[in-house]
Amino acid sequence: MPALLISVILLPEDFPNYPFTIAYILSALYVSAKYQMTKQAIVDSATHEFHSNWRVLWLGLLCLVGSVIVLVAPLGILTFFGVWDL
C-alpha cells in the first residue's frame, strides 16, 4: 500500500487511474481473504456468533456518526476560532 501511495505522487498527471483502482481492489481482496473468517469458521467457532442484520446496520451507523464527528469537529473548531475559512 505505501508503494501505491508513493507512486501516485511520482507519476505524470495524465497517467490513467485504472491501474491503481485494480491494485487497490486486488490488495483489498488479499487482505480480506487472509484476515476475515469464513462463514463456516464462524459456525465452528465457540467464541463467535452471528448477529442480526439490524444490529449490524445500527452499529455501522453509530460508527459512521462517530467518524463524522471525529473528522468534522476539528474543522468546526478551527472555523469557530477563525483559523480556517470556508
N, C-alpha and C. Protein backbone atom coordinates (compact mmCIF):
# COMPACT_ATOMS: atom_id res chain seq x y z
N MET A 1 0.80 -1.19 0.00
CA MET A 1 0.00 0.00 0.00
C MET A 1 0.85 1.27 0.00
N PRO A 2 1.86 1.36 0.83
CA PRO A 2 2.68 2.58 0.79
C PRO A 2 3.32 2.80 -0.58
N ALA A 3 3.67 1.71 -1.25
CA ALA A 3 4.26 1.86 -2.59
C ALA A 3 3.25 2.46 -3.56
N LEU A 4 1.99 2.10 -3.43
CA LEU A 4 0.96 2.69 -4.29
C LEU A 4 0.83 4.19 -4.03
N LEU A 5 0.83 4.57 -2.77
CA LEU A 5 0.69 5.98 -2.44
C LEU A 5 1.87 6.81 -2.92
N ILE A 6 3.06 6.26 -2.79
CA ILE A 6 4.25 6.98 -3.23
C ILE A 6 4.29 7.08 -4.75
N SER A 7 3.90 6.02 -5.43
CA SER A 7 3.94 6.03 -6.88
C SER A 7 2.94 7.01 -7.48
N VAL A 8 1.84 7.27 -6.80
CA VAL A 8 0.86 8.25 -7.29
C VAL A 8 1.49 9.63 -7.37
N ILE A 9 2.31 9.96 -6.41
CA ILE A 9 2.95 11.28 -6.37
C ILE A 9 3.96 11.42 -7.50
N LEU A 10 4.65 10.36 -7.85
CA LEU A 10 5.73 10.43 -8.82
C LEU A 10 5.29 10.32 -10.28
N LEU A 11 4.07 9.90 -10.52
CA LEU A 11 3.60 9.70 -11.89
C LEU A 11 3.12 11.01 -12.51
N PRO A 12 3.14 11.09 -13.85
CA PRO A 12 2.64 12.30 -14.51
C PRO A 12 1.13 12.46 -14.30
N GLU A 13 0.64 13.66 -14.50
CA GLU A 13 -0.75 13.97 -14.21
C GLU A 13 -1.73 13.27 -15.16
N ASP A 14 -1.31 12.99 -16.38
CA ASP A 14 -2.22 12.37 -17.35
C ASP A 14 -2.16 10.84 -17.33
N PHE A 15 -1.53 10.25 -16.32
CA PHE A 15 -1.46 8.80 -16.19
C PHE A 15 -2.85 8.25 -15.88
N PRO A 16 -3.28 7.16 -16.52
CA PRO A 16 -4.63 6.63 -16.27
C PRO A 16 -4.81 6.11 -14.84
N ASN A 17 -6.03 6.18 -14.36
CA ASN A 17 -6.34 5.81 -12.97
C ASN A 17 -6.59 4.33 -12.77
N TYR A 18 -6.99 3.62 -13.81
CA TYR A 18 -7.43 2.24 -13.61
C TYR A 18 -6.37 1.29 -13.07
N PRO A 19 -5.07 1.44 -13.35
CA PRO A 19 -4.12 0.51 -12.71
C PRO A 19 -4.13 0.61 -11.19
N PHE A 20 -4.33 1.81 -10.67
CA PHE A 20 -4.36 1.98 -9.22
C PHE A 20 -5.65 1.41 -8.63
N THR A 21 -6.74 1.58 -9.36
CA THR A 21 -8.00 1.00 -8.91
C THR A 21 -7.89 -0.51 -8.83
N ILE A 22 -7.33 -1.12 -9.85
CA ILE A 22 -7.15 -2.57 -9.86
C ILE A 22 -6.21 -3.01 -8.74
N ALA A 23 -5.14 -2.25 -8.51
CA ALA A 23 -4.19 -2.60 -7.45
C ALA A 23 -4.85 -2.53 -6.07
N TYR A 24 -5.68 -1.50 -5.84
CA TYR A 24 -6.37 -1.39 -4.55
C TYR A 24 -7.39 -2.51 -4.38
N ILE A 25 -8.09 -2.86 -5.44
CA ILE A 25 -9.06 -3.95 -5.36
C ILE A 25 -8.36 -5.27 -5.05
N LEU A 26 -7.26 -5.54 -5.74
CA LEU A 26 -6.54 -6.79 -5.50
C LEU A 26 -5.95 -6.85 -4.10
N SER A 27 -5.43 -5.73 -3.61
CA SER A 27 -4.88 -5.73 -2.26
C SER A 27 -5.99 -5.90 -1.22
N ALA A 28 -7.17 -5.31 -1.45
CA ALA A 28 -8.30 -5.49 -0.52
C ALA A 28 -8.78 -6.94 -0.54
N LEU A 29 -8.81 -7.56 -1.70
CA LEU A 29 -9.18 -8.98 -1.79
C LEU A 29 -8.20 -9.86 -1.02
N TYR A 30 -6.92 -9.55 -1.16
CA TYR A 30 -5.89 -10.33 -0.47
C TYR A 30 -6.04 -10.20 1.05
N VAL A 31 -6.21 -8.97 1.52
CA VAL A 31 -6.32 -8.73 2.97
C VAL A 31 -7.59 -9.39 3.51
N SER A 32 -8.70 -9.27 2.79
CA SER A 32 -9.94 -9.87 3.29
C SER A 32 -9.87 -11.40 3.27
N ALA A 33 -9.23 -11.98 2.27
CA ALA A 33 -9.12 -13.44 2.22
C ALA A 33 -8.19 -13.95 3.33
N LYS A 34 -7.19 -13.15 3.68
CA LYS A 34 -6.23 -13.60 4.68
C LYS A 34 -6.72 -13.41 6.11
N TYR A 35 -7.42 -12.31 6.39
CA TYR A 35 -7.72 -11.97 7.78
C TYR A 35 -9.18 -12.13 8.18
N GLN A 36 -10.12 -12.20 7.25
CA GLN A 36 -11.51 -12.36 7.64
C GLN A 36 -11.88 -13.83 7.74
N MET A 37 -12.73 -14.13 8.71
CA MET A 37 -13.16 -15.51 8.90
C MET A 37 -14.22 -15.88 7.87
N THR A 38 -14.22 -17.12 7.48
CA THR A 38 -15.27 -17.62 6.59
C THR A 38 -16.52 -17.90 7.42
N LYS A 39 -17.63 -18.06 6.74
CA LYS A 39 -18.88 -18.35 7.44
C LYS A 39 -18.78 -19.68 8.18
N GLN A 40 -18.16 -20.67 7.57
CA GLN A 40 -18.02 -21.97 8.22
C GLN A 40 -17.13 -21.88 9.46
N ALA A 41 -16.09 -21.05 9.41
CA ALA A 41 -15.22 -20.87 10.57
C ALA A 41 -15.98 -20.23 11.73
N ILE A 42 -16.90 -19.32 11.42
CA ILE A 42 -17.71 -18.70 12.46
C ILE A 42 -18.66 -19.72 13.07
N VAL A 43 -19.26 -20.55 12.21
CA VAL A 43 -20.18 -21.59 12.70
C VAL A 43 -19.45 -22.56 13.62
N ASP A 44 -18.24 -22.95 13.25
CA ASP A 44 -17.47 -23.91 14.02
C ASP A 44 -16.85 -23.32 15.29
N SER A 45 -16.76 -22.01 15.37
CA SER A 45 -16.09 -21.36 16.49
C SER A 45 -16.98 -21.34 17.74
N ALA A 46 -16.36 -21.50 18.88
CA ALA A 46 -17.09 -21.43 20.15
C ALA A 46 -17.15 -19.99 20.66
N THR A 47 -16.30 -19.12 20.18
CA THR A 47 -16.24 -17.75 20.70
C THR A 47 -16.96 -16.74 19.81
N HIS A 48 -17.36 -17.12 18.60
CA HIS A 48 -18.03 -16.19 17.69
C HIS A 48 -19.45 -16.65 17.44
N GLU A 49 -20.31 -15.67 17.17
CA GLU A 49 -21.70 -15.99 16.86
C GLU A 49 -22.24 -14.99 15.85
N PHE A 50 -23.32 -15.34 15.21
CA PHE A 50 -23.95 -14.47 14.23
C PHE A 50 -24.86 -13.48 14.93
N HIS A 51 -25.02 -12.30 14.32
CA HIS A 51 -25.92 -11.27 14.84
C HIS A 51 -26.89 -10.88 13.74
N SER A 52 -27.97 -10.27 14.12
CA SER A 52 -28.97 -9.87 13.14
C SER A 52 -28.44 -8.75 12.25
N ASN A 53 -29.03 -8.64 11.08
CA ASN A 53 -28.64 -7.57 10.15
C ASN A 53 -28.96 -6.20 10.72
N TRP A 54 -30.03 -6.11 11.53
CA TRP A 54 -30.37 -4.83 12.14
C TRP A 54 -29.30 -4.36 13.12
N ARG A 55 -28.77 -5.30 13.88
CA ARG A 55 -27.70 -4.94 14.82
C ARG A 55 -26.47 -4.45 14.06
N VAL A 56 -26.15 -5.13 12.98
CA VAL A 56 -25.01 -4.72 12.16
C VAL A 56 -25.26 -3.33 11.56
N LEU A 57 -26.48 -3.10 11.08
CA LEU A 57 -26.82 -1.80 10.50
C LEU A 57 -26.67 -0.69 11.53
N TRP A 58 -27.24 -0.87 12.73
CA TRP A 58 -27.18 0.18 13.74
C TRP A 58 -25.77 0.44 14.24
N LEU A 59 -24.99 -0.63 14.39
CA LEU A 59 -23.59 -0.42 14.79
C LEU A 59 -22.80 0.28 13.70
N GLY A 60 -23.08 -0.06 12.45
CA GLY A 60 -22.43 0.62 11.34
C GLY A 60 -22.78 2.10 11.29
N LEU A 61 -24.07 2.41 11.49
CA LEU A 61 -24.49 3.82 11.51
C LEU A 61 -23.89 4.56 12.69
N LEU A 62 -23.80 3.91 13.83
CA LEU A 62 -23.18 4.53 15.00
C LEU A 62 -21.71 4.85 14.73
N CYS A 63 -21.02 3.93 14.11
CA CYS A 63 -19.61 4.17 13.77
C CYS A 63 -19.48 5.27 12.73
N LEU A 64 -20.42 5.34 11.78
CA LEU A 64 -20.40 6.41 10.78
C LEU A 64 -20.57 7.77 11.44
N VAL A 65 -21.54 7.88 12.34
CA VAL A 65 -21.77 9.14 13.04
C VAL A 65 -20.55 9.51 13.88
N GLY A 66 -19.97 8.53 14.57
CA GLY A 66 -18.77 8.80 15.35
C GLY A 66 -17.61 9.26 14.49
N SER A 67 -17.44 8.65 13.33
CA SER A 67 -16.37 9.05 12.42
C SER A 67 -16.57 10.46 11.90
N VAL A 68 -17.81 10.78 11.55
CA VAL A 68 -18.09 12.14 11.06
C VAL A 68 -17.81 13.16 12.15
N ILE A 69 -18.20 12.85 13.38
CA ILE A 69 -17.94 13.78 14.48
C ILE A 69 -16.44 13.96 14.67
N VAL A 70 -15.70 12.87 14.66
CA VAL A 70 -14.25 12.96 14.88
C VAL A 70 -13.56 13.72 13.74
N LEU A 71 -14.05 13.56 12.53
CA LEU A 71 -13.41 14.22 11.39
C LEU A 71 -13.87 15.66 11.20
N VAL A 72 -15.13 15.96 11.50
CA VAL A 72 -15.67 17.29 11.24
C VAL A 72 -15.50 18.22 12.44
N ALA A 73 -15.48 17.70 13.64
CA ALA A 73 -15.37 18.55 14.83
C ALA A 73 -14.12 19.44 14.82
N PRO A 74 -12.94 18.90 14.47
CA PRO A 74 -11.78 19.79 14.43
C PRO A 74 -11.94 20.92 13.41
N LEU A 75 -12.59 20.64 12.28
CA LEU A 75 -12.80 21.70 11.29
C LEU A 75 -13.78 22.75 11.83
N GLY A 76 -14.80 22.30 12.54
CA GLY A 76 -15.73 23.25 13.16
C GLY A 76 -15.04 24.12 14.19
N ILE A 77 -14.16 23.53 14.98
CA ILE A 77 -13.42 24.30 15.99
C ILE A 77 -12.50 25.31 15.31
N LEU A 78 -11.82 24.88 14.25
CA LEU A 78 -10.94 25.81 13.53
C LEU A 78 -11.73 26.94 12.88
N THR A 79 -12.90 26.65 12.37
CA THR A 79 -13.75 27.68 11.77
C THR A 79 -14.26 28.62 12.85
N PHE A 80 -14.66 28.09 13.99
CA PHE A 80 -15.18 28.90 15.09
C PHE A 80 -14.13 29.91 15.55
N PHE A 81 -12.87 29.51 15.64
CA PHE A 81 -11.82 30.40 16.10
C PHE A 81 -11.19 31.23 14.98
N GLY A 82 -11.68 31.07 13.76
CA GLY A 82 -11.21 31.90 12.65
C GLY A 82 -9.90 31.47 12.05
N VAL A 83 -9.45 30.27 12.38
CA VAL A 83 -8.19 29.77 11.84
C VAL A 83 -8.38 29.29 10.41
N TRP A 84 -9.57 28.78 10.11
CA TRP A 84 -9.86 28.22 8.79
C TRP A 84 -11.15 28.83 8.28
N ASP A 85 -11.12 29.38 7.06
CA ASP A 85 -12.32 29.96 6.46
C ASP A 85 -12.91 28.98 5.45
N LEU A 86 -14.22 28.92 5.45
CA LEU A 86 -14.92 28.11 4.45
C LEU A 86 -14.87 28.83 3.18
